[in-house]
Amino acid sequence: MPTRVIAIVNQKGGVGKTTTCANLGAYLASLKKKVLLVDLDPQANLSLHFGVDTQSLKKSCYHLLMYDDPGTDEMVIGTGIDNLELIPASMRLADAELELVNVVGREWSLAERLEKVIRTGGYDFVLIDCSPSLGLLTLNALTAASEVFITVQPDYFSLQGIGRLIRTLDLVRKRLNNGLRVTGVVLCMFNPTRILTWEVTERIREIFKEKVFNTFIRINVNLAEAPSYGQSILTYAPKSNGAEDYFRLAKEVLHDDKMIIMPGKDFSFLNIVEEYSPKNLNQQTSIHFVDNDLEICNMVKVAFSSFTRHVDFSNDFEQAVRYLEENPVDILITEIKLPGKDGFELIKWVKSKRDLSSIPIIVLTGSVRDRNSIIKCKKMGVAKYILKPFDLGRLIRDVDVALDSGRKKR
């Protein structure tokens, strides 16, 4: 397998670039991949993350950029984790950006020298931690890399710089490195209890589509503490949520294991559901979800986004009727406790329409499960009756099964 050289970028600071570089690298190494980390940020946070004394370094990333034959013996150092090595940064790296200004082919300095290091070391992955800017150091990283991972904190301000970053990446691709591709977007410091988190996540998915990793890096104090002990989360707190998330992200990067993060509010607290391979649910499946709780609607839409892009929702009976009259739907999921006319009235309306009567329907209810409601749903031909809080992973499976039964009926 050719070496994957990945630049981890975002011109906004504090969005998880260094944390992702350190911990993703650690878990890729734990999965038997040989990994080189390159600290290309003058702040040297990645180096400090592994307890490196940046003041006493004989060689650093500065030498990699500025010397034709920097030598790797003293420049590449261990991290204390098998298969994981590091080219650290020092304060001199800040000088490199100024010194490179007058150098011919300055954007290629890292690419030319890094190629020799990779050839000597036989690495499977090279992860480059970029500075929070789009300056000359970052341009060098983008020229040397074949892939880009963008780390994003799902809040309003994180969206503001995305456009500029995309334009910069397009410019680099056209003028310097036409093989450069954005292959991953990592959502960091993810708070599943905030409505804004899900709204921004949905917007990011609209922009980057399937490039957004299904694994979200949840807010976790252990991730913040680990650097102060000079460790990755792999060795500092291997049973924490942060460790779990980066382990799953590493497996997703290796294409071994797709994961879906499940939100907590109004759902059973099974936070992560392993990959489910649907037989009937696919990218063309049209799902209509009816619930007056906008937060739940957004959570369900995000959960299904790995399987289909056609998920829409209504918040009451009238809105659902208008949608169903105008749009083809493969399956309907409805809450019983709708404002005005309830979910049972919506089911009756659907069953009265010849072109909609065979569509499978799943019913959700936040009220206590009672025998009469179950009997009523069965008599109306409902495919599944589900009580909140519910597990989204199970809902995905129920939708897949219901689609199969609906297909057979038609």
Protein backbone atom coordinates (compact mmCIF):
# COMPACT_ATOMS: atom_id res chain seq x y z
CA MET A 1 0.00 0.00 0.00
CA PRO A 2 1.44 3.44 -0.91
CA THR A 3 2.08 5.83 1.97
CA ARG A 4 -0.92 8.00 2.79
CA VAL A 5 0.33 11.53 3.47
CA ILE A 6 -2.45 13.42 5.24
CA ALA A 7 -2.40 17.13 6.14
CA ILE A 8 -4.70 17.93 9.05
CA VAL A 9 -5.86 21.50 8.49
CA ASN A 10 -8.13 24.34 9.51
CA GLN A 11 -7.08 27.97 9.71
CA LYS A 12 -9.19 28.31 12.86
CA GLY A 13 -7.39 27.47 16.07
CA GLY A 14 -8.71 25.25 18.83
CA VAL A 15 -10.73 22.89 16.62
CA GLY A 16 -8.87 19.66 17.38
CA LYS A 17 -6.11 19.51 14.75
CA THR A 18 -3.29 18.60 17.13
CA THR A 19 -5.49 16.37 19.29
CA THR A 20 -6.60 14.48 16.19
CA CYS A 21 -3.09 14.19 14.77
CA ALA A 22 -1.68 12.81 18.05
CA ASN A 23 -4.48 10.41 18.92
CA LEU A 24 -5.41 9.23 15.44
CA GLY A 25 -1.71 8.53 14.89
CA ALA A 26 -1.49 6.61 18.15
CA TYR A 27 -4.43 4.37 17.29
CA LEU A 28 -3.29 3.78 13.71
CA ALA A 29 0.03 2.65 15.21
CA SER A 30 -1.81 0.39 17.67
CA LEU A 31 -3.51 -1.19 14.64
CA LYS A 32 -0.07 -2.23 13.33
CA LYS A 33 0.49 0.63 10.90
CA LYS A 34 3.81 2.46 10.86
CA VAL A 35 3.05 6.15 11.37
CA LEU A 36 5.12 9.33 11.18
CA LEU A 37 3.80 12.53 12.74
CA VAL A 38 5.13 15.84 11.40
CA ASP A 39 4.75 18.91 13.64
CA LEU A 40 4.54 21.82 11.21
CA ASP A 41 3.18 24.32 13.73
CA PRO A 42 5.67 26.77 15.33
CA GLN A 43 3.68 26.50 18.56
CA ALA A 44 4.95 22.88 18.72
CA ASN A 45 1.83 21.63 20.47
CA LEU A 46 2.08 18.21 18.85
CA SER A 47 5.64 17.83 20.12
CA LEU A 48 4.62 18.96 23.61
CA HIS A 49 1.74 16.46 23.46
CA PHE A 50 4.34 13.68 23.55
CA GLY A 51 6.47 15.32 26.23
CA VAL A 52 9.24 16.55 23.90
CA ASP A 53 11.55 19.23 25.29
CA THR A 54 11.45 21.52 22.28
CA GLN A 55 14.18 23.79 23.69
CA SER A 56 16.89 21.11 23.58
CA LEU A 57 16.25 19.64 20.14
CA LYS A 58 19.29 19.28 17.92
CA LYS A 59 17.17 18.88 14.80
CA SER A 60 13.52 19.60 14.13
CA CYS A 61 11.03 20.26 11.36
CA TYR A 62 12.94 23.48 10.67
CA HIS A 63 15.88 21.41 9.41
CA LEU A 64 13.54 19.29 7.30
CA LEU A 65 12.33 22.42 5.52
CA MET A 66 15.58 24.34 5.23
CA TYR A 67 18.36 21.78 4.55
CA ASP A 68 18.76 19.74 1.38
CA ASP A 69 20.08 16.76 3.34
CA PRO A 70 18.87 17.23 6.92
CA GLY A 71 19.58 13.64 8.01
CA THR A 72 16.95 11.64 9.83
CA ASP A 73 18.90 10.04 12.70
CA GLU A 74 18.45 12.93 15.12
CA MET A 75 15.40 14.49 13.49
CA VAL A 76 12.95 11.55 13.70
CA ILE A 77 12.31 10.61 17.34
CA GLY A 78 10.23 8.01 19.16
CA THR A 79 7.00 8.74 21.00
CA GLY A 80 6.96 5.84 23.43
CA ILE A 81 4.36 4.06 21.29
CA ASP A 82 5.39 1.23 18.99
CA ASN A 83 5.17 2.09 15.26
CA LEU A 84 4.69 5.82 16.01
CA GLU A 85 7.48 8.34 15.31
CA LEU A 86 7.62 12.11 15.28
CA ILE A 87 9.46 14.94 13.57
CA PRO A 88 9.08 17.62 16.25
CA ALA A 89 8.85 21.39 15.92
CA SER A 90 10.88 24.06 17.67
CA MET A 91 10.71 27.83 17.92
CA ARG A 92 12.98 28.05 14.86
CA LEU A 93 10.10 26.87 12.70
CA ALA A 94 8.62 30.37 12.93
CA ASP A 95 11.79 31.65 11.22
CA ALA A 96 11.39 29.17 8.38
CA GLU A 97 8.30 30.91 7.06
CA LEU A 98 10.28 34.15 6.69
CA GLU A 99 13.42 32.50 5.34
CA LEU A 100 11.48 30.58 2.68
CA VAL A 101 9.92 33.70 1.17
CA ASN A 102 12.85 34.32 -1.18
CA VAL A 103 13.56 30.65 -1.93
CA VAL A 104 12.74 29.45 -5.47
CA GLY A 105 10.09 26.72 -5.33
CA ARG A 106 9.47 27.49 -1.65
CA GLU A 107 6.09 25.66 -1.64
CA TRP A 108 7.88 22.38 -2.49
CA SER A 109 10.50 22.42 0.29
CA LEU A 110 8.64 19.97 2.52
CA ALA A 111 7.47 17.67 -0.27
CA GLU A 112 10.97 17.11 -1.67
CA ARG A 113 12.59 16.30 1.66
CA LEU A 114 9.69 14.40 3.17
CA GLU A 115 9.73 11.99 0.24
CA LYS A 116 13.24 10.89 1.26
CA VAL A 117 12.18 10.41 4.89
CA ILE A 118 9.20 8.28 3.85
CA ARG A 119 11.35 6.16 1.57
CA THR A 120 13.87 5.56 4.35
CA GLY A 121 11.31 4.90 7.10
CA GLY A 122 8.81 2.78 5.18
CA TYR A 123 5.77 4.49 6.72
CA ASP A 124 2.15 3.54 6.06
CA PHE A 125 0.84 6.94 7.20
CA VAL A 126 2.30 10.43 7.53
CA LEU A 127 0.11 12.86 9.47
CA ILE A 128 1.06 16.54 9.22
CA ASP A 129 -0.19 18.84 11.98
CA CYS A 130 -0.62 22.26 10.36
CA SER A 131 -0.59 25.68 12.01
CA PRO A 132 -3.87 27.60 12.43
CA SER A 133 -3.26 29.73 9.36
CA LEU A 134 -3.12 29.43 5.58
CA GLY A 135 0.46 30.70 5.32
CA LEU A 136 3.56 29.28 3.68
CA LEU A 137 4.01 26.42 6.16
CA THR A 138 0.48 25.19 5.52
CA LEU A 139 0.99 25.55 1.76
CA ASN A 140 4.05 23.31 2.09
CA ALA A 141 1.95 20.72 3.91
CA LEU A 142 -0.75 20.83 1.23
CA THR A 143 1.83 20.46 -1.53
CA ALA A 144 3.43 17.47 0.20
CA ALA A 145 0.16 15.72 1.06
CA SER A 146 -2.07 13.51 -1.05
CA GLU A 147 -5.03 13.89 1.32
CA VAL A 148 -6.53 16.51 3.60
CA PHE A 149 -8.44 15.93 6.81
CA ILE A 150 -10.34 19.00 8.04
CA THR A 151 -11.13 19.17 11.74
CA VAL A 152 -14.24 21.16 12.62
CA GLN A 153 -15.89 22.08 15.89
CA PRO A 154 -19.65 22.04 15.19
CA ASP A 155 -20.51 25.61 16.14
CA TYR A 156 -21.55 28.72 14.23
CA PHE A 157 -18.11 30.37 14.02
CA SER A 158 -16.50 27.22 12.62
CA LEU A 159 -18.66 27.55 9.51
CA GLN A 160 -17.44 31.07 8.78
CA GLY A 161 -13.95 30.07 7.62
CA ILE A 162 -14.92 26.96 5.66
CA GLY A 163 -15.44 28.88 2.41
CA ARG A 164 -11.98 30.43 2.52
CA LEU A 165 -10.39 27.08 3.33
CA ILE A 166 -12.14 25.40 0.39
CA ARG A 167 -10.99 28.18 -1.97
CA THR A 168 -7.40 27.78 -0.75
CA LEU A 169 -7.53 24.01 -1.28
CA ASP A 170 -8.91 24.50 -4.79
CA LEU A 171 -6.13 26.97 -5.58
CA VAL A 172 -3.44 24.58 -4.31
CA ARG A 173 -4.97 21.76 -6.33
CA LYS A 174 -4.94 23.82 -9.53
CA ARG A 175 -1.49 25.37 -9.20
CA LEU A 176 0.65 23.12 -7.02
CA ASN A 177 -0.78 19.67 -6.33
CA ASN A 178 -3.53 18.43 -8.60
CA GLY A 179 -3.63 15.11 -6.73
CA LEU A 180 -4.71 16.75 -3.47
CA ARG A 181 -8.13 15.64 -2.20
CA VAL A 182 -10.22 16.29 0.89
CA THR A 183 -10.89 12.74 2.05
CA GLY A 184 -12.11 13.31 5.59
CA VAL A 185 -13.86 15.83 7.82
CA VAL A 186 -13.55 15.15 11.55
CA LEU A 187 -16.14 16.67 13.89
CA CYS A 188 -14.37 17.39 17.20
CA MET A 189 -15.60 18.56 20.62
CA PHE A 190 -19.00 17.18 19.70
CA ASN A 191 -21.77 17.89 22.21
CA PRO A 192 -24.81 15.72 21.34
CA THR A 193 -27.06 17.52 23.85
CA ARG A 194 -27.01 20.85 21.97
CA ILE A 195 -29.45 21.60 19.15
CA LEU A 196 -26.84 23.87 17.53
CA THR A 197 -24.39 20.97 17.32
CA TRP A 198 -26.81 18.97 15.18
CA GLU A 199 -27.79 21.96 13.04
CA VAL A 200 -24.15 22.76 12.24
CA THR A 201 -23.39 19.06 11.69
CA GLU A 202 -26.17 18.89 9.13
CA ARG A 203 -24.80 21.98 7.37
CA ILE A 204 -21.29 20.49 7.30
CA ARG A 205 -22.72 17.26 5.85
CA GLU A 206 -24.44 19.30 3.13
CA ILE A 207 -21.10 20.88 2.22
CA PHE A 208 -18.82 17.83 2.43
CA LYS A 209 -21.37 15.00 2.03
CA GLU A 210 -19.87 11.50 2.43
CA LYS A 211 -16.45 12.93 3.34
CA VAL A 212 -17.66 13.62 6.91
CA PHE A 213 -16.56 10.74 9.12
CA ASN A 214 -19.38 8.93 10.88
CA THR A 215 -17.29 8.92 14.05
CA PHE A 216 -17.67 12.14 16.04
CA ILE A 217 -15.09 13.06 18.69
CA ARG A 218 -17.16 13.84 21.77
CA ILE A 219 -16.19 16.45 24.38
CA ASN A 220 -14.03 14.61 26.87
CA VAL A 221 -11.90 16.03 29.68
CA ASN A 222 -9.34 13.22 29.32
CA LEU A 223 -8.45 14.46 25.83
CA ALA A 224 -7.63 17.86 27.32
CA GLU A 225 -5.63 16.35 30.20
CA ALA A 226 -3.50 13.86 28.22
CA PRO A 227 -1.03 16.42 26.71
CA SER A 228 -0.12 17.75 30.17
CA TYR A 229 1.16 14.25 30.96
CA GLY A 230 3.02 13.97 27.64
CA GLN A 231 0.77 11.15 26.47
CA SER A 232 -1.83 10.28 23.87
CA ILE A 233 -5.28 9.18 24.99
CA LEU A 234 -4.24 5.62 24.08
CA THR A 235 -1.92 5.43 27.08
CA TYR A 236 -3.41 8.11 29.35
CA ALA A 237 -7.07 7.03 29.52
CA PRO A 238 -7.64 4.00 27.27
CA LYS A 239 -11.19 3.40 28.58
CA SER A 240 -12.45 6.96 28.17
CA ASN A 241 -14.92 8.24 25.58
CA GLY A 242 -12.06 10.07 23.87
CA ALA A 243 -10.09 6.84 23.52
CA GLU A 244 -13.14 5.02 22.19
CA ASP A 245 -13.83 7.73 19.62
CA TYR A 246 -10.28 7.91 18.25
CA PHE A 247 -10.02 4.12 18.12
CA ARG A 248 -13.17 4.01 16.01
CA LEU A 249 -11.97 6.90 13.85
CA ALA A 250 -8.71 5.04 13.18
CA LYS A 251 -10.65 1.96 12.12
CA GLU A 252 -12.84 4.10 9.87
CA VAL A 253 -9.73 5.68 8.28
CA LEU A 254 -8.55 2.14 7.56
CA HIS A 255 -12.00 1.32 6.10
CA ASP A 256 -12.27 -1.60 8.52
CA ASP A 257 -15.24 -0.44 10.52
CA LYS A 258 -17.89 2.17 9.87
CA MET A 259 -19.59 3.59 12.95
CA ILE A 260 -22.57 5.79 13.65
CA ILE A 261 -22.62 8.01 16.72
CA MET A 262 -25.99 8.06 18.40
CA PRO A 263 -27.27 11.16 20.23
CA GLY A 264 -28.29 10.90 23.84
CA LYS A 265 -31.35 13.08 24.35
CA ASP A 266 -34.65 11.17 24.07
CA PHE A 267 -32.79 8.08 22.89
CA SER A 268 -31.49 5.07 24.74
CA PHE A 269 -27.88 5.63 25.75
CA LEU A 270 -26.27 3.22 23.34
CA ASN A 271 -23.83 5.83 22.05
CA ILE A 272 -22.26 3.85 19.23
CA VAL A 273 -23.88 1.28 16.97
CA GLU A 274 -21.62 -0.83 14.78
CA GLU A 275 -22.03 -0.97 11.06
CA TYR A 276 -25.29 -2.38 9.81
CA SER A 277 -25.40 -3.54 6.20
CA PRO A 278 -28.97 -2.89 5.01
CA LYS A 279 -30.49 -5.04 2.29
CA ASN A 280 -33.27 -2.67 1.27
CA LEU A 281 -32.29 0.75 2.61
CA ASN A 282 -29.99 2.53 0.16
CA GLN A 283 -28.96 5.97 -1.09
CA GLN A 284 -32.14 6.29 -3.18
CA THR A 285 -34.56 5.46 -0.35
CA SER A 286 -36.93 8.33 0.45
CA ILE A 287 -37.87 8.57 4.15
CA HIS A 288 -40.41 11.01 5.56
CA PHE A 289 -40.25 11.63 9.32
CA VAL A 290 -43.11 13.38 11.14
CA ASP A 291 -42.51 14.77 14.63
CA ASN A 292 -43.06 18.19 16.22
CA ASP A 293 -39.68 18.01 18.04
CA LEU A 294 -37.19 19.62 15.64
CA GLU A 295 -34.19 18.33 17.60
CA ILE A 296 -35.32 14.70 17.25
CA CYS A 297 -35.98 15.26 13.54
CA ASN A 298 -32.44 16.52 13.03
CA MET A 299 -30.94 13.65 15.02
CA VAL A 300 -32.84 11.07 12.98
CA LYS A 301 -31.82 12.75 9.72
CA VAL A 302 -28.14 12.71 10.71
CA ALA A 303 -28.37 9.05 11.80
CA PHE A 304 -29.82 7.99 8.44
CA SER A 305 -27.46 10.19 6.40
CA SER A 306 -24.92 7.36 6.08
CA PHE A 307 -27.51 5.25 4.27
CA THR A 308 -29.61 7.75 2.30
CA ARG A 309 -29.60 11.44 1.43
CA HIS A 310 -33.38 11.50 1.00
CA VAL A 311 -34.66 12.17 4.53
CA ASP A 312 -37.21 14.96 5.00
CA PHE A 313 -39.49 15.81 7.87
CA SER A 314 -42.73 17.55 8.75
CA ASN A 315 -43.80 18.88 12.11
CA ASP A 316 -47.58 18.43 12.00
CA PHE A 317 -50.43 16.69 10.17
CA GLU A 318 -51.09 19.43 7.59
CA GLN A 319 -47.42 19.80 6.65
CA ALA A 320 -47.06 16.02 6.27
CA VAL A 321 -50.13 15.79 4.03
CA ARG A 322 -48.85 18.56 1.75
CA TYR A 323 -45.47 16.83 1.48
CA LEU A 324 -46.92 13.37 0.78
CA GLU A 325 -49.23 14.77 -1.90
CA GLU A 326 -46.29 16.28 -3.77
CA ASN A 327 -43.38 13.87 -3.20
CA PRO A 328 -42.82 10.12 -3.68
CA VAL A 329 -42.00 8.36 -0.38
CA ASP A 330 -40.71 4.84 0.33
CA ILE A 331 -41.46 4.80 4.07
CA LEU A 332 -43.24 7.00 6.62
CA ILE A 333 -42.19 7.36 10.27
CA THR A 334 -44.61 9.29 12.46
CA GLU A 335 -45.02 10.33 16.08
CA ILE A 336 -48.53 9.71 17.45
CA LYS A 337 -48.64 12.86 19.60
CA LEU A 338 -48.75 15.49 16.85
CA PRO A 339 -50.30 18.93 17.39
CA GLY A 340 -53.83 19.22 15.99
CA LYS A 341 -54.66 15.97 14.24
CA ASP A 342 -52.58 13.16 15.73
CA GLY A 343 -50.48 10.46 14.06
CA PHE A 344 -53.41 8.04 13.88
CA GLU A 345 -55.27 10.58 11.72
CA LEU A 346 -52.23 10.80 9.45
CA ILE A 347 -52.10 7.00 9.14
CA LYS A 348 -55.83 6.93 8.22
CA TRP A 349 -55.26 9.57 5.57
CA VAL A 350 -52.30 7.64 4.07
CA LYS A 351 -54.27 4.37 4.02
CA SER A 352 -57.15 6.11 2.24
CA LYS A 353 -54.93 7.08 -0.68
CA ARG A 354 -54.54 4.37 -3.30
CA ASP A 355 -51.04 5.48 -4.38
CA LEU A 356 -49.83 5.67 -0.76
CA SER A 357 -51.72 2.81 0.93
CA SER A 358 -48.93 0.25 0.49
CA ILE A 359 -46.19 2.48 1.98
CA PRO A 360 -44.85 0.90 5.20
CA ILE A 361 -45.43 3.02 8.32
CA ILE A 362 -43.47 3.04 11.58
CA VAL A 363 -45.13 4.65 14.60
CA LEU A 364 -43.25 6.37 17.45
CA THR A 365 -44.87 7.34 20.71
CA GLY A 366 -43.66 9.10 23.83
CA SER A 367 -46.64 7.92 25.85
CA VAL A 368 -46.81 4.75 27.93
CA ARG A 369 -47.14 1.68 25.74
CA ASP A 370 -50.68 0.43 26.04
CA ARG A 371 -52.42 -2.59 24.62
CA ASN A 372 -55.15 -0.62 22.85
CA SER A 373 -52.67 1.53 20.93
CA ILE A 374 -50.75 -1.54 19.79
CA ILE A 375 -53.97 -3.24 18.66
CA LYS A 376 -55.06 -0.05 16.88
CA CYS A 377 -51.71 0.16 15.04
CA LYS A 378 -51.91 -3.49 14.00
CA LYS A 379 -55.44 -3.04 12.68
CA MET A 380 -54.29 -0.03 10.67
CA GLY A 381 -51.44 -2.06 9.13
CA VAL A 382 -48.55 -0.30 10.85
CA ALA A 383 -45.22 -2.06 10.32
CA LYS A 384 -43.70 -1.22 13.73
CA TYR A 385 -44.74 0.48 16.98
CA ILE A 386 -41.81 2.00 18.91
CA LEU A 387 -41.78 3.58 22.36
CA LYS A 388 -39.51 6.55 23.14
CA PRO A 389 -36.73 6.74 24.18
CA PHE A 390 -35.54 4.53 21.38
CA ASP A 391 -32.26 3.29 19.94
CA LEU A 392 -31.58 4.88 16.53
CA GLY A 393 -29.53 1.88 15.44
CA ARG A 394 -32.54 -0.34 16.02
CA LEU A 395 -34.74 2.13 14.11
CA ILE A 396 -32.41 1.83 11.10
CA ARG A 397 -32.81 -1.95 11.21
CA ASP A 398 -36.60 -1.67 11.61
CA VAL A 399 -36.79 0.64 8.59
CA ASP A 400 -34.80 -1.84 6.52
CA VAL A 401 -37.10 -4.72 7.51
CA ALA A 402 -40.24 -2.63 6.92
CA LEU A 403 -39.02 -1.65 3.46
CA ASP A 404 -38.64 -5.33 2.61
CA SER A 405 -42.15 -6.19 3.80
CA GLY A 406 -43.59 -3.17 1.97
CA ARG A 407 -41.82 -4.19 -1.24
CA LYS A 408 -43.26 -7.71 -1.01
CA LYS A 409 -46.79 -6.34 -0.52
CA ARG A 410 -46.49 -4.15 -3.58
